Amino acid sequence: MEKEALVCYWSRTGNTEQVAETIKEALEENDLNVTYKEVKEMEDDDFLDYDWVFLGTPSHHFLPPKPALKTLQSKLNTYSNEGEVKLCAPDRPDKKAAVFCTYSGPHTGIDEAIPVGKYLGQFLEHIGFNVVDEWYVIGEMHMNIPNINTEGRLGNIKGRPNEEDLTRIKNNVEDVLEK
């Protein structure tokens, strides 16, 4: 039976979308049936309809951006009202997930992104997904602030995510599918 996968993301500048597209392509190359949606398109959809979920957003002030937060909080409330959120979280061994976060981290680097990955993972774990990996991908910051992409803690991040970053994500997808 063919596995159903969802790649769900929120992106404002295109960085997170590039990562989501790479994940989609890697899943299709591994013969999964892929649904590809932006977070805002998930309001009437059910994450539990999928065997695999790949959920990603950028880091915005150490959290997913407000539009993504709003949708995920609404979905979590719906799942809770339907009895899908239980003490100790439901154990659904057939449901697996990976979360991904793009970040620029000019101030503190990856520490700005980790809370986002944890938030996304907790959303999925509360409804029973086994989160098997978290991916953090550097992305160029698209703001008109001098030197923001060259003088932050991460050094020169112009053009990121780049081919090397996206190849790493493709390899990560192949690795998690074996879990």
Protein backbone atom coordinates (compact mmCIF):
# COMPACT_ATOMS: atom_id res chain seq x y z
CA MET A 1 0.00 0.00 0.00
CA GLU A 2 1.35 3.41 -0.97
CA LYS A 3 2.13 5.71 1.96
CA GLU A 4 0.42 9.09 2.16
CA ALA A 5 2.64 12.06 2.98
CA LEU A 6 1.83 15.67 3.69
CA VAL A 7 4.32 18.49 3.21
CA CYS A 8 2.84 21.48 4.99
CA TYR A 9 4.68 24.78 5.31
CA TRP A 10 4.43 28.52 5.83
CA SER A 11 6.76 30.83 3.92
CA ARG A 12 6.88 34.57 3.39
CA THR A 13 10.17 35.03 1.54
CA GLY A 14 10.52 31.67 -0.21
CA ASN A 15 13.24 30.14 1.99
CA THR A 16 10.92 27.69 3.74
CA GLU A 17 9.09 27.00 0.48
CA GLN A 18 12.39 25.93 -1.14
CA VAL A 19 12.94 23.42 1.66
CA ALA A 20 9.33 22.19 1.42
CA GLU A 21 9.67 21.72 -2.35
CA THR A 22 12.89 19.72 -1.85
CA ILE A 23 11.12 17.49 0.69
CA LYS A 24 8.20 16.99 -1.72
CA GLU A 25 10.54 15.98 -4.55
CA ALA A 26 12.48 13.55 -2.31
CA LEU A 27 9.24 11.93 -1.13
CA GLU A 28 7.99 11.53 -4.69
CA GLU A 29 11.34 9.98 -5.69
CA ASN A 30 10.73 7.45 -2.90
CA ASP A 31 7.26 6.58 -4.25
CA LEU A 32 5.12 8.27 -1.61
CA ASN A 33 1.84 9.88 -2.55
CA VAL A 34 2.44 13.53 -1.61
CA THR A 35 0.00 16.28 -0.72
CA TYR A 36 1.70 19.67 -0.75
CA LYS A 37 -0.02 22.55 1.06
CA GLU A 38 0.58 25.80 2.81
CA VAL A 39 -0.43 25.84 6.48
CA LYS A 40 -3.33 28.21 5.75
CA GLU A 41 -4.81 25.58 3.40
CA MET A 42 -5.05 23.02 6.23
CA GLU A 43 -8.02 24.51 8.10
CA ASP A 44 -10.46 21.89 6.75
CA ASP A 45 -7.91 19.08 6.35
CA ASP A 46 -6.89 16.42 8.86
CA PHE A 47 -3.23 15.78 9.60
CA LEU A 48 -4.28 12.30 10.78
CA ASP A 49 -5.19 11.36 7.20
CA TYR A 50 -1.46 11.01 6.47
CA ASP A 51 1.15 8.39 7.35
CA TRP A 52 3.94 10.99 7.18
CA VAL A 53 3.78 14.72 7.92
CA PHE A 54 6.59 17.16 7.18
CA LEU A 55 5.71 20.48 8.84
CA GLY A 56 7.82 23.61 8.54
CA THR A 57 7.93 27.35 9.10
CA PRO A 58 10.56 30.02 9.48
CA SER A 59 11.58 31.29 12.88
CA HIS A 60 10.01 34.65 13.66
CA HIS A 61 10.91 35.99 17.09
CA PHE A 62 11.68 32.43 18.29
CA LEU A 63 8.23 31.09 17.24
CA PRO A 64 6.41 30.12 14.06
CA PRO A 65 4.98 33.23 12.35
CA LYS A 66 1.61 34.42 13.68
CA PRO A 67 -0.49 33.17 10.72
CA ALA A 68 0.96 29.65 11.14
CA LEU A 69 0.52 29.80 14.93
CA LYS A 70 -3.11 30.80 14.50
CA THR A 71 -3.86 27.86 12.21
CA LEU A 72 -1.97 25.32 14.31
CA GLN A 73 -3.59 26.51 17.54
CA SER A 74 -7.02 26.30 15.90
CA LYS A 75 -6.25 22.77 14.65
CA LEU A 76 -5.04 21.71 18.11
CA ASN A 77 -8.25 23.06 19.68
CA THR A 78 -10.29 21.09 17.15
CA TYR A 79 -8.34 17.90 17.84
CA SER A 80 -8.75 18.47 21.57
CA ASN A 81 -12.50 19.01 21.22
CA GLU A 82 -12.73 15.80 19.17
CA GLY A 83 -10.93 13.85 21.90
CA GLU A 84 -7.77 13.28 19.84
CA VAL A 85 -5.52 14.97 22.42
CA LYS A 86 -5.17 12.76 25.50
CA LEU A 87 -2.99 12.53 28.59
CA CYS A 88 0.35 11.00 27.63
CA ALA A 89 -0.56 11.71 23.97
CA PRO A 90 -2.06 8.99 21.82
CA ASP A 91 0.37 6.37 20.55
CA ARG A 92 -0.04 6.06 16.79
CA PRO A 93 2.99 4.02 15.68
CA ASP A 94 1.87 4.27 12.04
CA LYS A 95 2.07 8.09 12.12
CA LYS A 96 5.53 9.62 11.64
CA ALA A 97 6.69 13.17 11.17
CA ALA A 98 9.65 15.47 10.72
CA VAL A 99 9.66 19.20 11.34
CA PHE A 100 11.78 21.83 9.62
CA CYS A 101 12.59 25.43 10.34
CA THR A 102 14.40 28.04 8.31
CA TYR A 103 16.23 30.75 10.18
CA SER A 104 18.68 33.58 9.74
CA GLY A 105 19.76 33.86 13.35
CA PRO A 106 21.65 37.15 13.15
CA HIS A 107 21.63 37.46 16.92
CA THR A 108 22.09 34.01 18.46
CA GLY A 109 22.19 31.57 15.53
CA ILE A 110 20.35 28.28 15.68
CA ASP A 111 19.12 29.02 19.22
CA GLU A 112 16.57 31.32 17.57
CA ALA A 113 15.16 28.39 15.57
CA ILE A 114 15.13 25.50 18.04
CA PRO A 115 11.98 26.73 19.88
CA VAL A 116 10.14 26.70 16.54
CA GLY A 117 11.11 23.11 15.81
CA LYS A 118 10.09 22.07 19.30
CA TYR A 119 6.74 23.89 18.97
CA LEU A 120 5.96 22.22 15.64
CA GLY A 121 7.02 18.85 17.02
CA GLN A 122 4.84 19.22 20.10
CA PHE A 123 1.83 20.08 17.95
CA LEU A 124 2.28 16.83 16.04
CA GLU A 125 3.14 14.71 19.09
CA HIS A 126 0.02 15.89 20.91
CA ILE A 127 -2.09 14.28 18.19
CA GLY A 128 -0.05 11.10 18.18
CA PHE A 129 2.68 11.52 15.59
CA ASN A 130 6.13 10.13 16.30
CA VAL A 131 8.45 13.01 15.41
CA VAL A 132 11.55 11.27 14.12
CA ASP A 133 13.64 14.31 13.20
CA GLU A 134 13.99 18.11 13.31
CA TRP A 135 15.78 20.01 10.56
CA TYR A 136 17.12 23.53 10.83
CA VAL A 137 18.09 25.29 7.61
CA ILE A 138 19.85 28.63 7.31
CA GLY A 139 18.05 31.08 5.04
CA GLU A 140 19.02 34.50 3.78
CA MET A 141 17.21 37.27 5.59
CA HIS A 142 15.12 39.38 3.22
CA MET A 143 15.17 42.72 4.98
CA ASN A 144 16.57 46.06 3.95
CA ILE A 145 19.05 46.27 6.81
CA PRO A 146 22.71 46.84 5.85
CA ASN A 147 24.99 43.84 6.41
CA ILE A 148 22.26 41.71 8.01
CA ASN A 149 23.27 38.73 5.85
CA THR A 150 27.00 39.12 6.32
CA GLU A 151 27.71 40.26 9.86
CA GLY A 152 25.45 38.15 12.05
CA ARG A 153 26.53 35.25 14.21
CA LEU A 154 26.32 32.87 11.23
CA GLY A 155 28.60 34.91 8.98
CA ASN A 156 27.73 35.31 5.30
CA ILE A 157 24.34 33.68 4.66
CA LYS A 158 23.61 35.30 1.29
CA GLY A 159 21.95 32.88 -1.11
CA ARG A 160 20.91 30.38 1.57
CA PRO A 161 19.37 27.91 1.50
CA ASN A 162 21.80 26.85 -1.19
CA GLU A 163 22.25 23.60 -3.10
CA GLU A 164 24.32 22.08 -0.29
CA ASP A 165 21.57 22.88 2.24
CA LEU A 166 18.87 21.40 0.00
CA THR A 167 20.91 18.28 -0.76
CA ARG A 168 21.28 17.73 2.99
CA ILE A 169 17.48 17.99 3.35
CA LYS A 170 16.95 15.49 0.53
CA ASN A 171 19.31 13.07 2.27
CA ASN A 172 17.52 13.65 5.58
CA VAL A 173 14.20 12.69 3.96
CA GLU A 174 15.69 9.45 2.66
CA ASP A 175 17.13 8.71 6.10
CA VAL A 176 13.86 9.23 8.00
CA LEU A 177 11.89 7.11 5.57
CA GLU A 178 14.03 4.17 6.68
CA LYS A 179 13.03 4.67 10.34
